[in-house]
Amino acid sequence: MAATIHDVAKLAGVNSSTVSRVLNGKATVMEETREKIYAAMRELDYHPNSLARSLANGQSGAIGVVVDAEDAEAFSNVFFNRSLFAVEKVAQERGYHVILANGAKRAGGMGSIEKLMLERKVDGLILPPSTVKPSLLQKIQSFPCVVLGQPEAAHNGLSWVDVNNAQGAEMAVSHLRSRGYRRIAYLGGEGRTGFSKRRVKGYEKTLENQDALVYPTDGTVEDAQRAAAQALGRAIRPDAFLCNDNMSAFGLLKAARAEGLSIPAQIGVVTFDNYPLAEFTDPPLTSVDVDTALLGAQAARLCFQHIDHHTPSQQVLLGTTLIERASSQRM
C-alpha cells in the first residue's frame, strides 16, 4: 500500500498539517523539521498527489515562463539559461513546476499566454518585455505576472525586474577614465532598443567634454569587427571602447589586432556581460557583470509574492559589478 501524508508525519515526528505546509510551501518551517520530513518522504517513497492538492487549494502548482520560441539565440544564450535555472530553483523550493511556453500568438487562435491564464494551467507568469502590449495588459491586470526585463513603455500596475544597465555603463566609462582613457566609443547595440538603449544612455551621461561615438552592429562578431574597423580608421580614433556585449568585444579584438594596435596600451576595452570565456581572451576582458541568475530568482520570488499575498506591483533594478582585467589596465 502506498504511503500517506499521515505515515510521513508519524515517521518524521510531526503533525500532518506540518507536512502539508512544507509540501505547499505556504509557511515558514524550521530547516531541521523540513529535512526530517523530506527524509521520511524518501524512506517511505512518498509522492504527493499534485492533482488532489490542486483541487483542494484551487491552484495549479505551476508558474509559466514565456519565451519567443522562434528566437533560437535565446535558447543557446548562457545568460537566459542562468535566469531560467534560477526560476526553476525557486519554484522547486516552493513545490511548484515551471511550464515553458512560446509567447507567439497563432493566427485565428488564442495565444499561449491567454491559454495558460484562462485555463488556469499556471498560478503566475514570468514574461519577456516583448510581450507587453496593450491588448495583453487588459487581460493580465488581476493575474500574478512579472516581466523579466524593463518594458519599453511605463505601465502602472505592472511588476518587472531588470538589471540597472545605465548604472553599469556609467561605472564602465568612469573606470576607463580613471585608467587614463579619454576618447571613449560605444560599440554594439542593434537598433538601440531595450537594454541596449539604456546602456547607451548611461554611456552618454558619463561623457566629459566629448561627443558620443556610438557604433551600432547587428549582433554578430563580423559586423562588430566591421564597425570597430570603421572607428579605428578615423583620423582621431577612440582610445577605448565600451562594448554592448561579448560578440561586440570579440569583433573589436579582431579589428584591433588587424590594425596592429595594442590592448590595453593603445586601446582600452570594457564589455557588458561577463561571458564565461571573457577571462580567457587575449587579453582578458574587463567586464560589467550582469547577475542573470539573481535576475531570474528575484522575478520568481516576486511572482510568488503576488500569488500568495496579492502584493502591489513592484519595479526592481539590480545593480551591476565591474570585474577588472587586463583589457583596461593602461595605468
C-alpha atoms as a PDB file:
ATOM      1  CA  MET A   1       0.000   0.000   0.000  1.00  0.00           C
ATOM      2  CA  ALA A   2       1.291   3.459  -0.906  1.00  0.00           C
ATOM      3  CA  ALA A   3       2.442   5.688   1.929  1.00  0.00           C
ATOM      4  CA  THR A   4       0.203   8.568   3.024  1.00  0.00           C
ATOM      5  CA  ILE A   5       0.876  12.010   4.423  1.00  0.00           C
ATOM      6  CA  HIS A   6      -0.001  10.611   7.859  1.00  0.00           C
ATOM      7  CA  ASP A   7       2.705   7.961   7.512  1.00  0.00           C
ATOM      8  CA  VAL A   8       5.244  10.673   6.670  1.00  0.00           C
ATOM      9  CA  ALA A   9       4.154  12.755   9.665  1.00  0.00           C
ATOM     10  CA  LYS A  10       4.420   9.782  12.039  1.00  0.00           C
ATOM     11  CA  LEU A  11       7.915   8.828  10.832  1.00  0.00           C
ATOM     12  CA  ALA A  12       9.131  12.462  10.980  1.00  0.00           C
ATOM     13  CA  GLY A  13       7.568  13.003  14.411  1.00  0.00           C
ATOM     14  CA  VAL A  14       5.410  15.967  13.352  1.00  0.00           C
ATOM     15  CA  ASN A  15       1.755  16.732  12.691  1.00  0.00           C
ATOM     16  CA  SER A  16       0.199  16.037   9.300  1.00  0.00           C
ATOM     17  CA  SER A  17      -0.532  19.762   8.983  1.00  0.00           C
ATOM     18  CA  THR A  18       3.203  20.496   9.241  1.00  0.00           C
ATOM     19  CA  VAL A  19       3.926  18.078   6.395  1.00  0.00           C
ATOM     20  CA  SER A  20       1.186  19.769   4.370  1.00  0.00           C
ATOM     21  CA  ARG A  21       2.682  23.219   4.976  1.00  0.00           C
ATOM     22  CA  VAL A  22       6.103  22.015   3.828  1.00  0.00           C
ATOM     23  CA  LEU A  23       4.663  20.439   0.680  1.00  0.00           C
ATOM     24  CA  ASN A  24       2.662  23.548  -0.178  1.00  0.00           C
ATOM     25  CA  GLY A  25       5.448  25.983   0.707  1.00  0.00           C
ATOM     26  CA  LYS A  26       2.876  28.187   2.412  1.00  0.00           C
ATOM     27  CA  ALA A  27       4.530  28.781   5.757  1.00  0.00           C
ATOM     28  CA  THR A  28       7.943  29.057   7.319  1.00  0.00           C
ATOM     29  CA  VAL A  29       9.060  25.760   8.833  1.00  0.00           C
ATOM     30  CA  MET A  30      12.362  25.224  10.614  1.00  0.00           C
ATOM     31  CA  GLU A  31      15.025  23.788   8.298  1.00  0.00           C
ATOM     32  CA  GLU A  32      15.655  20.867  10.676  1.00  0.00           C
ATOM     33  CA  THR A  33      11.956  19.959  10.554  1.00  0.00           C
ATOM     34  CA  ARG A  34      11.861  20.261   6.771  1.00  0.00           C
ATOM     35  CA  GLU A  35      14.816  17.895   6.449  1.00  0.00           C
ATOM     36  CA  LYS A  36      13.130  15.340   8.725  1.00  0.00           C
ATOM     37  CA  ILE A  37      10.022  15.451   6.556  1.00  0.00           C
ATOM     38  CA  TYR A  38      11.984  15.114   3.312  1.00  0.00           C
ATOM     39  CA  ALA A  39      13.973  12.227   4.795  1.00  0.00           C
ATOM     40  CA  ALA A  40      10.743  10.473   5.795  1.00  0.00           C
ATOM     41  CA  MET A  41       9.316  11.004   2.307  1.00  0.00           C
ATOM     42  CA  ARG A  42      12.395   9.432   0.740  1.00  0.00           C
ATOM     43  CA  GLU A  43      12.369   6.478   3.146  1.00  0.00           C
ATOM     44  CA  LEU A  44       8.670   5.803   2.512  1.00  0.00           C
ATOM     45  CA  ASP A  45       8.917   6.611  -1.206  1.00  0.00           C
ATOM     46  CA  TYR A  46       6.070   9.079  -0.696  1.00  0.00           C
ATOM     47  CA  HIS A  47       4.966  11.236  -3.622  1.00  0.00           C
ATOM     48  CA  PRO A  48       2.345  13.964  -3.104  1.00  0.00           C
ATOM     49  CA  ASN A  49      -0.767  13.794  -5.258  1.00  0.00           C
ATOM     50  CA  SER A  50      -0.422  17.091  -7.132  1.00  0.00           C
ATOM     51  CA  LEU A  51      -3.873  16.790  -8.714  1.00  0.00           C
ATOM     52  CA  ALA A  52      -5.543  16.372  -5.334  1.00  0.00           C
ATOM     53  CA  ARG A  53      -3.610  19.319  -3.927  1.00  0.00           C
ATOM     54  CA  SER A  54      -4.635  21.473  -6.875  1.00  0.00           C
ATOM     55  CA  LEU A  55      -8.311  20.592  -6.438  1.00  0.00           C
ATOM     56  CA  ALA A  56      -8.083  21.278  -2.714  1.00  0.00           C
ATOM     57  CA  ASN A  57      -6.465  24.699  -2.843  1.00  0.00           C
ATOM     58  CA  GLY A  58      -7.652  25.885  -6.263  1.00  0.00           C
ATOM     59  CA  GLN A  59      -4.112  26.301  -7.576  1.00  0.00           C
ATOM     60  CA  SER A  60      -2.276  24.571 -10.405  1.00  0.00           C
ATOM     61  CA  GLY A  61       1.068  24.230  -8.628  1.00  0.00           C
ATOM     62  CA  ALA A  62       2.878  25.695 -11.644  1.00  0.00           C
ATOM     63  CA  ILE A  63       4.155  29.012 -12.950  1.00  0.00           C
ATOM     64  CA  GLY A  64       4.734  29.803 -16.606  1.00  0.00           C
ATOM     65  CA  VAL A  65       7.863  31.258 -18.183  1.00  0.00           C
ATOM     66  CA  VAL A  66       7.066  32.729 -21.595  1.00  0.00           C
ATOM     67  CA  VAL A  67       9.700  32.987 -24.326  1.00  0.00           C
ATOM     68  CA  ASP A  68       9.816  33.541 -28.054  1.00  0.00           C
ATOM     69  CA  ALA A  69      10.462  30.037 -29.400  1.00  0.00           C
ATOM     70  CA  GLU A  70      11.299  31.479 -32.823  1.00  0.00           C
ATOM     71  CA  ASP A  71      14.358  33.194 -31.332  1.00  0.00           C
ATOM     72  CA  ALA A  72      16.850  30.324 -31.472  1.00  0.00           C
ATOM     73  CA  GLU A  73      19.567  32.520 -29.951  1.00  0.00           C
ATOM     74  CA  ALA A  74      17.592  32.827 -26.726  1.00  0.00           C
ATOM     75  CA  PHE A  75      17.809  29.100 -26.087  1.00  0.00           C
ATOM     76  CA  SER A  76      21.563  28.996 -26.637  1.00  0.00           C
ATOM     77  CA  ASN A  77      22.175  32.125 -24.564  1.00  0.00           C
ATOM     78  CA  VAL A  78      24.010  31.254 -21.362  1.00  0.00           C
ATOM     79  CA  PHE A  79      22.506  34.268 -19.601  1.00  0.00           C
ATOM     80  CA  PHE A  80      18.924  33.241 -20.396  1.00  0.00           C
ATOM     81  CA  ASN A  81      19.712  29.721 -19.228  1.00  0.00           C
ATOM     82  CA  ARG A  82      21.008  31.069 -15.923  1.00  0.00           C
ATOM     83  CA  SER A  83      17.813  33.046 -15.374  1.00  0.00           C
ATOM     84  CA  LEU A  84      15.644  30.057 -16.254  1.00  0.00           C
ATOM     85  CA  PHE A  85      17.620  27.770 -13.931  1.00  0.00           C
ATOM     86  CA  ALA A  86      17.177  30.277 -11.087  1.00  0.00           C
ATOM     87  CA  VAL A  87      13.417  30.465 -11.713  1.00  0.00           C
ATOM     88  CA  GLU A  88      13.256  26.662 -11.661  1.00  0.00           C
ATOM     89  CA  LYS A  89      15.245  26.514  -8.406  1.00  0.00           C
ATOM     90  CA  VAL A  90      12.971  28.983  -6.604  1.00  0.00           C
ATOM     91  CA  ALA A  91       9.875  27.216  -7.927  1.00  0.00           C
ATOM     92  CA  GLN A  92      11.207  23.819  -6.825  1.00  0.00           C
ATOM     93  CA  GLU A  93      11.767  25.143  -3.298  1.00  0.00           C
ATOM     94  CA  ARG A  94       8.095  26.095  -3.274  1.00  0.00           C
ATOM     95  CA  GLY A  95       6.964  22.725  -4.598  1.00  0.00           C
ATOM     96  CA  TYR A  96       5.985  24.259  -7.947  1.00  0.00           C
ATOM     97  CA  HIS A  97       6.619  23.185 -11.525  1.00  0.00           C
ATOM     98  CA  VAL A  98       7.734  25.530 -14.318  1.00  0.00           C
ATOM     99  CA  ILE A  99       5.988  25.467 -17.681  1.00  0.00           C
ATOM    100  CA  LEU A 100       7.943  26.909 -20.605  1.00  0.00           C
ATOM    101  CA  ALA A 101       5.673  28.418 -23.258  1.00  0.00           C
ATOM    102  CA  ASN A 102       6.000  30.211 -26.572  1.00  0.00           C
ATOM    103  CA  GLY A 103       4.722  33.789 -26.430  1.00  0.00           C
ATOM    104  CA  ALA A 104       3.803  33.957 -30.118  1.00  0.00           C
ATOM    105  CA  LYS A 105       0.087  34.080 -30.924  1.00  0.00           C
ATOM    106  CA  ARG A 106      -1.148  31.670 -33.564  1.00  0.00           C
ATOM    107  CA  ALA A 107      -3.324  33.067 -36.319  1.00  0.00           C
ATOM    108  CA  GLY A 108      -7.020  32.650 -35.590  1.00  0.00           C
ATOM    109  CA  GLY A 109      -6.411  31.214 -32.157  1.00  0.00           C
ATOM    110  CA  MET A 110      -5.657  32.084 -28.586  1.00  0.00           C
ATOM    111  CA  GLY A 111      -2.029  32.696 -27.676  1.00  0.00           C
ATOM    112  CA  SER A 112      -0.227  30.546 -25.144  1.00  0.00           C
ATOM    113  CA  ILE A 113      -0.236  33.342 -22.552  1.00  0.00           C
ATOM    114  CA  GLU A 114      -4.033  33.618 -22.693  1.00  0.00           C
ATOM    115  CA  LYS A 115      -4.445  29.814 -22.590  1.00  0.00           C
ATOM    116  CA  LEU A 116      -2.195  29.479 -19.560  1.00  0.00           C
ATOM    117  CA  MET A 117      -4.186  32.129 -17.690  1.00  0.00           C
ATOM    118  CA  LEU A 118      -7.761  31.430 -18.756  1.00  0.00           C
ATOM    119  CA  GLU A 119      -7.456  27.661 -18.442  1.00  0.00           C
ATOM    120  CA  ARG A 120      -5.729  28.101 -15.049  1.00  0.00           C
ATOM    121  CA  LYS A 121      -2.778  25.957 -16.063  1.00  0.00           C
ATOM    122  CA  VAL A 122      -0.474  28.239 -14.074  1.00  0.00           C
ATOM    123  CA  ASP A 123      -0.821  30.395 -10.972  1.00  0.00           C
ATOM    124  CA  GLY A 124       1.553  33.093 -12.221  1.00  0.00           C
ATOM    125  CA  LEU A 125       3.554  34.172 -15.256  1.00  0.00           C
ATOM    126  CA  ILE A 126       7.046  35.473 -15.972  1.00  0.00           C
ATOM    127  CA  LEU A 127       7.027  37.348 -19.277  1.00  0.00           C
ATOM    128  CA  PRO A 128       9.605  38.873 -21.630  1.00  0.00           C
ATOM    129  CA  PRO A 129       9.249  42.633 -22.295  1.00  0.00           C
ATOM    130  CA  SER A 130       8.415  41.967 -25.952  1.00  0.00           C
ATOM    131  CA  THR A 131       5.029  40.514 -24.967  1.00  0.00           C
ATOM    132  CA  VAL A 132       3.906  43.567 -23.000  1.00  0.00           C
ATOM    133  CA  LYS A 133       1.347  45.073 -25.350  1.00  0.00           C
ATOM    134  CA  PRO A 134      -1.903  46.977 -24.605  1.00  0.00           C
ATOM    135  CA  SER A 135      -4.072  44.050 -25.705  1.00  0.00           C
ATOM    136  CA  LEU A 136      -2.328  41.728 -23.245  1.00  0.00           C
ATOM    137  CA  LEU A 137      -2.225  44.250 -20.400  1.00  0.00           C
ATOM    138  CA  GLN A 138      -6.017  44.368 -20.342  1.00  0.00           C
ATOM    139  CA  LYS A 139      -6.110  40.623 -19.697  1.00  0.00           C
ATOM    140  CA  ILE A 140      -3.384  40.309 -17.063  1.00  0.00           C
ATOM    141  CA  GLN A 141      -4.345  43.183 -14.760  1.00  0.00           C
ATOM    142  CA  SER A 142      -5.531  40.873 -11.967  1.00  0.00           C
ATOM    143  CA  PHE A 143      -3.256  37.936 -12.756  1.00  0.00           C
ATOM    144  CA  PRO A 144       0.107  37.446 -10.945  1.00  0.00           C
ATOM    145  CA  CYS A 145       2.695  38.466 -13.563  1.00  0.00           C
ATOM    146  CA  VAL A 146       6.284  39.678 -13.551  1.00  0.00           C
ATOM    147  CA  VAL A 147       8.199  40.925 -16.581  1.00  0.00           C
ATOM    148  CA  LEU A 148      11.789  39.687 -16.811  1.00  0.00           C
ATOM    149  CA  GLY A 149      13.278  42.952 -18.063  1.00  0.00           C
ATOM    150  CA  GLN A 150      12.150  46.559 -18.126  1.00  0.00           C
ATOM    151  CA  PRO A 151       9.346  47.211 -20.644  1.00  0.00           C
ATOM    152  CA  GLU A 152       9.892  49.923 -23.238  1.00  0.00           C
ATOM    153  CA  ALA A 153       6.939  51.987 -22.017  1.00  0.00           C
ATOM    154  CA  ALA A 154       5.971  52.672 -18.417  1.00  0.00           C
ATOM    155  CA  HIS A 155       2.934  50.670 -17.300  1.00  0.00           C
ATOM    156  CA  ASN A 156       1.308  51.399 -13.960  1.00  0.00           C
ATOM    157  CA  GLY A 157       0.419  48.265 -12.067  1.00  0.00           C
ATOM    158  CA  LEU A 158       2.943  46.053 -13.862  1.00  0.00           C
ATOM    159  CA  SER A 159       5.791  44.387 -11.989  1.00  0.00           C
ATOM    160  CA  TRP A 160       9.193  43.939 -13.584  1.00  0.00           C
ATOM    161  CA  VAL A 161      12.751  43.071 -12.605  1.00  0.00           C
ATOM    162  CA  ASP A 162      15.787  44.172 -14.592  1.00  0.00           C
ATOM    163  CA  VAL A 163      19.484  44.926 -14.364  1.00  0.00           C
ATOM    164  CA  ASN A 164      20.446  48.589 -13.972  1.00  0.00           C
ATOM    165  CA  ASN A 165      22.055  48.804 -17.394  1.00  0.00           C
ATOM    166  CA  ALA A 166      22.523  52.581 -17.300  1.00  0.00           C
ATOM    167  CA  GLN A 167      24.394  52.334 -13.995  1.00  0.00           C
ATOM    168  CA  GLY A 168      26.619  49.610 -15.441  1.00  0.00           C
ATOM    169  CA  ALA A 169      27.563  51.804 -18.399  1.00  0.00           C
ATOM    170  CA  GLU A 170      28.286  54.794 -16.166  1.00  0.00           C
ATOM    171  CA  MET A 171      30.533  52.642 -13.993  1.00  0.00           C
ATOM    172  CA  ALA A 172      32.394  51.304 -17.039  1.00  0.00           C
ATOM    173  CA  VAL A 173      33.059  54.751 -18.525  1.00  0.00           C
ATOM    174  CA  SER A 174      34.206  56.099 -15.151  1.00  0.00           C
ATOM    175  CA  HIS A 175      36.576  53.144 -14.844  1.00  0.00           C
ATOM    176  CA  LEU A 176      38.082  53.776 -18.282  1.00  0.00           C
ATOM    177  CA  ARG A 177      38.608  57.450 -17.442  1.00  0.00           C
ATOM    178  CA  SER A 178      40.310  56.502 -14.189  1.00  0.00           C
ATOM    179  CA  ARG A 179      42.768  54.450 -16.253  1.00  0.00           C
ATOM    180  CA  GLY A 180      43.688  57.405 -18.448  1.00  0.00           C
ATOM    181  CA  TYR A 181      41.419  56.856 -21.476  1.00  0.00           C
ATOM    182  CA  ARG A 182      39.739  59.988 -22.798  1.00  0.00           C
ATOM    183  CA  ARG A 183      38.096  59.309 -26.173  1.00  0.00           C
ATOM    184  CA  ILE A 184      35.654  56.503 -25.404  1.00  0.00           C
ATOM    185  CA  ALA A 185      33.342  54.942 -28.002  1.00  0.00           C
ATOM    186  CA  TYR A 186      30.353  52.628 -27.635  1.00  0.00           C
ATOM    187  CA  LEU A 187      30.282  49.518 -29.843  1.00  0.00           C
ATOM    188  CA  GLY A 188      27.189  47.397 -30.481  1.00  0.00           C
ATOM    189  CA  GLY A 189      23.516  47.599 -29.634  1.00  0.00           C
ATOM    190  CA  GLU A 190      21.313  46.822 -32.604  1.00  0.00           C
ATOM    191  CA  GLY A 191      18.511  49.360 -33.019  1.00  0.00           C
ATOM    192  CA  ARG A 192      19.272  50.967 -29.648  1.00  0.00           C
ATOM    193  CA  THR A 193      16.169  49.482 -28.025  1.00  0.00           C
ATOM    194  CA  GLY A 194      15.533  47.844 -24.676  1.00  0.00           C
ATOM    195  CA  PHE A 195      18.577  47.228 -22.504  1.00  0.00           C
ATOM    196  CA  SER A 196      20.932  48.441 -25.263  1.00  0.00           C
ATOM    197  CA  LYS A 197      19.251  51.834 -25.307  1.00  0.00           C
ATOM    198  CA  ARG A 198      19.622  52.171 -21.539  1.00  0.00           C
ATOM    199  CA  ARG A 199      23.279  51.178 -21.749  1.00  0.00           C
ATOM    200  CA  VAL A 200      23.923  53.818 -24.408  1.00  0.00           C
ATOM    201  CA  LYS A 201      22.150  56.438 -22.272  1.00  0.00           C
ATOM    202  CA  GLY A 202      24.375  55.575 -19.320  1.00  0.00           C
ATOM    203  CA  TYR A 203      27.425  55.854 -21.572  1.00  0.00           C
ATOM    204  CA  GLU A 204      26.351  59.253 -22.912  1.00  0.00           C
ATOM    205  CA  LYS A 205      25.527  60.578 -19.448  1.00  0.00           C
ATOM    206  CA  THR A 206      29.068  59.952 -18.189  1.00  0.00           C
ATOM    207  CA  LEU A 207      30.986  61.528 -21.097  1.00  0.00           C
ATOM    208  CA  GLU A 208      33.045  64.603 -20.252  1.00  0.00           C
ATOM    209  CA  ASN A 209      33.761  67.193 -22.966  1.00  0.00           C
ATOM    210  CA  GLN A 210      33.379  64.549 -25.653  1.00  0.00           C
ATOM    211  CA  ASP A 211      30.818  63.885 -28.346  1.00  0.00           C
ATOM    212  CA  ALA A 212      29.142  60.480 -28.166  1.00  0.00           C
ATOM    213  CA  LEU A 213      30.722  57.950 -30.526  1.00  0.00           C
ATOM    214  CA  VAL A 214      28.186  55.150 -30.972  1.00  0.00           C
ATOM    215  CA  TYR A 215      28.776  52.355 -33.496  1.00  0.00           C
ATOM    216  CA  PRO A 216      25.749  50.004 -33.665  1.00  0.00           C
ATOM    217  CA  THR A 217      26.087  46.465 -35.015  1.00  0.00           C
ATOM    218  CA  ASP A 218      23.763  43.639 -35.997  1.00  0.00           C
ATOM    219  CA  GLY A 219      24.918  41.489 -33.085  1.00  0.00           C
ATOM    220  CA  THR A 220      27.450  39.346 -34.940  1.00  0.00           C
ATOM    221  CA  VAL A 221      31.218  39.242 -34.450  1.00  0.00           C
ATOM    222  CA  GLU A 222      31.732  40.016 -38.148  1.00  0.00           C
ATOM    223  CA  ASP A 223      29.653  43.185 -38.077  1.00  0.00           C
ATOM    224  CA  ALA A 224      31.287  44.263 -34.832  1.00  0.00           C
ATOM    225  CA  GLN A 225      34.687  43.861 -36.497  1.00  0.00           C
ATOM    226  CA  ARG A 226      33.475  45.988 -39.421  1.00  0.00           C
ATOM    227  CA  ALA A 227      32.130  48.743 -37.142  1.00  0.00           C
ATOM    228  CA  ALA A 228      35.248  48.684 -34.963  1.00  0.00           C
ATOM    229  CA  ALA A 229      37.498  48.950 -38.045  1.00  0.00           C
ATOM    230  CA  GLN A 230      35.478  51.991 -39.123  1.00  0.00           C
ATOM    231  CA  ALA A 231      36.015  53.608 -35.721  1.00  0.00           C
ATOM    232  CA  LEU A 232      39.712  52.767 -35.641  1.00  0.00           C
ATOM    233  CA  GLY A 233      40.136  54.188 -39.154  1.00  0.00           C
ATOM    234  CA  ARG A 234      39.137  57.704 -38.100  1.00  0.00           C
ATOM    235  CA  ALA A 235      41.771  60.429 -38.217  1.00  0.00           C
ATOM    236  CA  ILE A 236      41.324  60.827 -34.463  1.00  0.00           C
ATOM    237  CA  ARG A 237      40.386  57.358 -33.348  1.00  0.00           C
ATOM    238  CA  PRO A 238      38.868  56.321 -29.997  1.00  0.00           C
ATOM    239  CA  ASP A 239      41.348  55.159 -27.384  1.00  0.00           C
ATOM    240  CA  ALA A 240      38.788  52.988 -25.564  1.00  0.00           C
ATOM    241  CA  PHE A 241      35.522  51.126 -26.198  1.00  0.00           C
ATOM    242  CA  LEU A 242      32.590  50.113 -24.070  1.00  0.00           C
ATOM    243  CA  CYS A 243      31.094  47.074 -25.803  1.00  0.00           C
ATOM    244  CA  ASN A 244      27.404  46.245 -25.641  1.00  0.00           C
ATOM    245  CA  ASP A 245      28.077  42.516 -25.405  1.00  0.00           C
ATOM    246  CA  ASN A 246      30.703  39.848 -25.886  1.00  0.00           C
ATOM    247  CA  MET A 247      30.149  39.498 -29.639  1.00  0.00           C
ATOM    248  CA  SER A 248      30.972  43.196 -29.994  1.00  0.00           C
ATOM    249  CA  ALA A 249      34.075  42.778 -27.830  1.00  0.00           C
ATOM    250  CA  PHE A 250      35.316  39.788 -29.822  1.00  0.00           C
ATOM    251  CA  GLY A 251      34.862  41.743 -33.064  1.00  0.00           C
ATOM    252  CA  LEU A 252      36.776  44.669 -31.598  1.00  0.00           C
ATOM    253  CA  LEU A 253      39.682  42.433 -30.570  1.00  0.00           C
ATOM    254  CA  LYS A 254      39.906  41.124 -34.140  1.00  0.00           C
ATOM    255  CA  ALA A 255      39.795  44.641 -35.625  1.00  0.00           C
ATOM    256  CA  ALA A 256      42.452  45.973 -33.249  1.00  0.00           C
ATOM    257  CA  ARG A 257      44.695  43.019 -33.988  1.00  0.00           C
ATOM    258  CA  ALA A 258      44.303  43.615 -37.748  1.00  0.00           C
ATOM    259  CA  GLU A 259      45.358  47.252 -37.240  1.00  0.00           C
ATOM    260  CA  GLY A 260      48.358  46.224 -35.140  1.00  0.00           C
ATOM    261  CA  LEU A 261      47.028  48.090 -32.092  1.00  0.00           C
ATOM    262  CA  SER A 262      47.962  47.006 -28.593  1.00  0.00           C
ATOM    263  CA  ILE A 263      45.330  46.387 -25.908  1.00  0.00           C
ATOM    264  CA  PRO A 264      45.362  47.974 -23.345  1.00  0.00           C
ATOM    265  CA  ALA A 265      48.343  50.209 -24.198  1.00  0.00           C
ATOM    266  CA  GLN A 266      46.640  51.886 -27.175  1.00  0.00           C
ATOM    267  CA  ILE A 267      43.032  50.740 -26.879  1.00  0.00           C
ATOM    268  CA  GLY A 268      41.125  50.068 -23.664  1.00  0.00           C
ATOM    269  CA  VAL A 269      38.186  47.634 -23.664  1.00  0.00           C
ATOM    270  CA  VAL A 270      35.302  47.033 -21.270  1.00  0.00           C
ATOM    271  CA  THR A 271      32.396  44.785 -22.204  1.00  0.00           C
ATOM    272  CA  PHE A 272      28.976  44.094 -20.750  1.00  0.00           C
ATOM    273  CA  ASP A 273      28.033  40.529 -19.798  1.00  0.00           C
ATOM    274  CA  ASN A 274      30.793  38.621 -18.093  1.00  0.00           C
ATOM    275  CA  TYR A 275      30.775  35.768 -20.599  1.00  0.00           C
ATOM    276  CA  PRO A 276      32.411  32.564 -19.295  1.00  0.00           C
ATOM    277  CA  LEU A 277      35.261  32.966 -21.792  1.00  0.00           C
ATOM    278  CA  ALA A 278      35.896  36.660 -21.059  1.00  0.00           C
ATOM    279  CA  GLU A 279      38.759  35.902 -18.687  1.00  0.00           C
ATOM    280  CA  PHE A 280      40.431  33.633 -21.256  1.00  0.00           C
ATOM    281  CA  THR A 281      40.611  36.054 -24.194  1.00  0.00           C
ATOM    282  CA  ASP A 282      43.875  37.749 -25.139  1.00  0.00           C
ATOM    283  CA  PRO A 283      43.955  39.992 -23.210  1.00  0.00           C
ATOM    284  CA  PRO A 284      41.365  39.003 -20.599  1.00  0.00           C
ATOM    285  CA  LEU A 285      38.342  41.327 -20.825  1.00  0.00           C
ATOM    286  CA  THR A 286      37.275  43.758 -18.127  1.00  0.00           C
ATOM    287  CA  SER A 287      33.527  43.106 -17.796  1.00  0.00           C
ATOM    288  CA  VAL A 288      30.369  44.639 -16.399  1.00  0.00           C
ATOM    289  CA  ASP A 289      28.962  41.573 -14.676  1.00  0.00           C
ATOM    290  CA  VAL A 290      25.202  41.116 -15.038  1.00  0.00           C
ATOM    291  CA  ASP A 291      23.887  38.611 -12.497  1.00  0.00           C
ATOM    292  CA  THR A 292      21.174  36.950 -14.570  1.00  0.00           C
ATOM    293  CA  ALA A 293      20.760  34.154 -12.019  1.00  0.00           C
ATOM    294  CA  LEU A 294      19.779  36.744  -9.418  1.00  0.00           C
ATOM    295  CA  LEU A 295      17.536  38.350 -12.042  1.00  0.00           C
ATOM    296  CA  GLY A 296      15.605  35.109 -12.536  1.00  0.00           C
ATOM    297  CA  ALA A 297      15.432  34.372  -8.813  1.00  0.00           C
ATOM    298  CA  GLN A 298      14.103  37.851  -7.992  1.00  0.00           C
ATOM    299  CA  ALA A 299      11.470  37.601 -10.720  1.00  0.00           C
ATOM    300  CA  ALA A 300      10.309  34.218  -9.405  1.00  0.00           C
ATOM    301  CA  ARG A 301      10.173  35.405  -5.776  1.00  0.00           C
ATOM    302  CA  LEU A 302       8.196  38.474  -6.771  1.00  0.00           C
ATOM    303  CA  CYS A 303       5.811  36.302  -8.769  1.00  0.00           C
ATOM    304  CA  PHE A 304       5.203  34.104  -5.718  1.00  0.00           C
ATOM    305  CA  GLN A 305       4.587  37.205  -3.579  1.00  0.00           C
ATOM    306  CA  HIS A 306       1.829  38.179  -5.990  1.00  0.00           C
ATOM    307  CA  ILE A 307       0.413  34.631  -5.960  1.00  0.00           C
ATOM    308  CA  ASP A 308       0.414  34.266  -2.167  1.00  0.00           C
ATOM    309  CA  HIS A 309      -0.363  37.759  -0.938  1.00  0.00           C
ATOM    310  CA  HIS A 310      -1.636  39.772  -3.935  1.00  0.00           C
ATOM    311  CA  THR A 311       1.067  42.343  -3.216  1.00  0.00           C
ATOM    312  CA  PRO A 312       1.170  45.668  -5.119  1.00  0.00           C
ATOM    313  CA  SER A 313       3.265  45.890  -8.257  1.00  0.00           C
ATOM    314  CA  GLN A 314       6.989  46.468  -7.858  1.00  0.00           C
ATOM    315  CA  GLN A 315       9.749  47.628 -10.186  1.00  0.00           C
ATOM    316  CA  VAL A 316      13.193  46.298  -9.265  1.00  0.00           C
ATOM    317  CA  LEU A 317      16.570  47.321 -10.672  1.00  0.00           C
ATOM    318  CA  LEU A 318      19.532  45.122  -9.746  1.00  0.00           C
ATOM    319  CA  GLY A 319      22.991  46.643  -9.553  1.00  0.00           C
ATOM    320  CA  THR A 320      25.954  45.516 -11.643  1.00  0.00           C
ATOM    321  CA  THR A 321      29.591  44.958 -10.685  1.00  0.00           C
ATOM    322  CA  LEU A 322      32.794  45.639 -12.591  1.00  0.00           C
ATOM    323  CA  ILE A 323      35.327  42.828 -12.897  1.00  0.00           C
ATOM    324  CA  GLU A 324      38.669  44.409 -13.765  1.00  0.00           C
ATOM    325  CA  ARG A 325      41.007  42.504 -16.061  1.00  0.00           C
ATOM    326  CA  ALA A 326      43.937  43.332 -18.328  1.00  0.00           C
ATOM    327  CA  SER A 327      41.997  44.860 -21.238  1.00  0.00           C
ATOM    328  CA  SER A 328      41.547  48.190 -19.426  1.00  0.00           C
ATOM    329  CA  GLN A 329      44.693  48.329 -17.286  1.00  0.00           C
ATOM    330  CA  ARG A 330      46.749  51.002 -19.055  1.00  0.00           C
ATOM    331  CA  MET A 331      47.579  52.740 -15.792  1.00  0.00           C
END
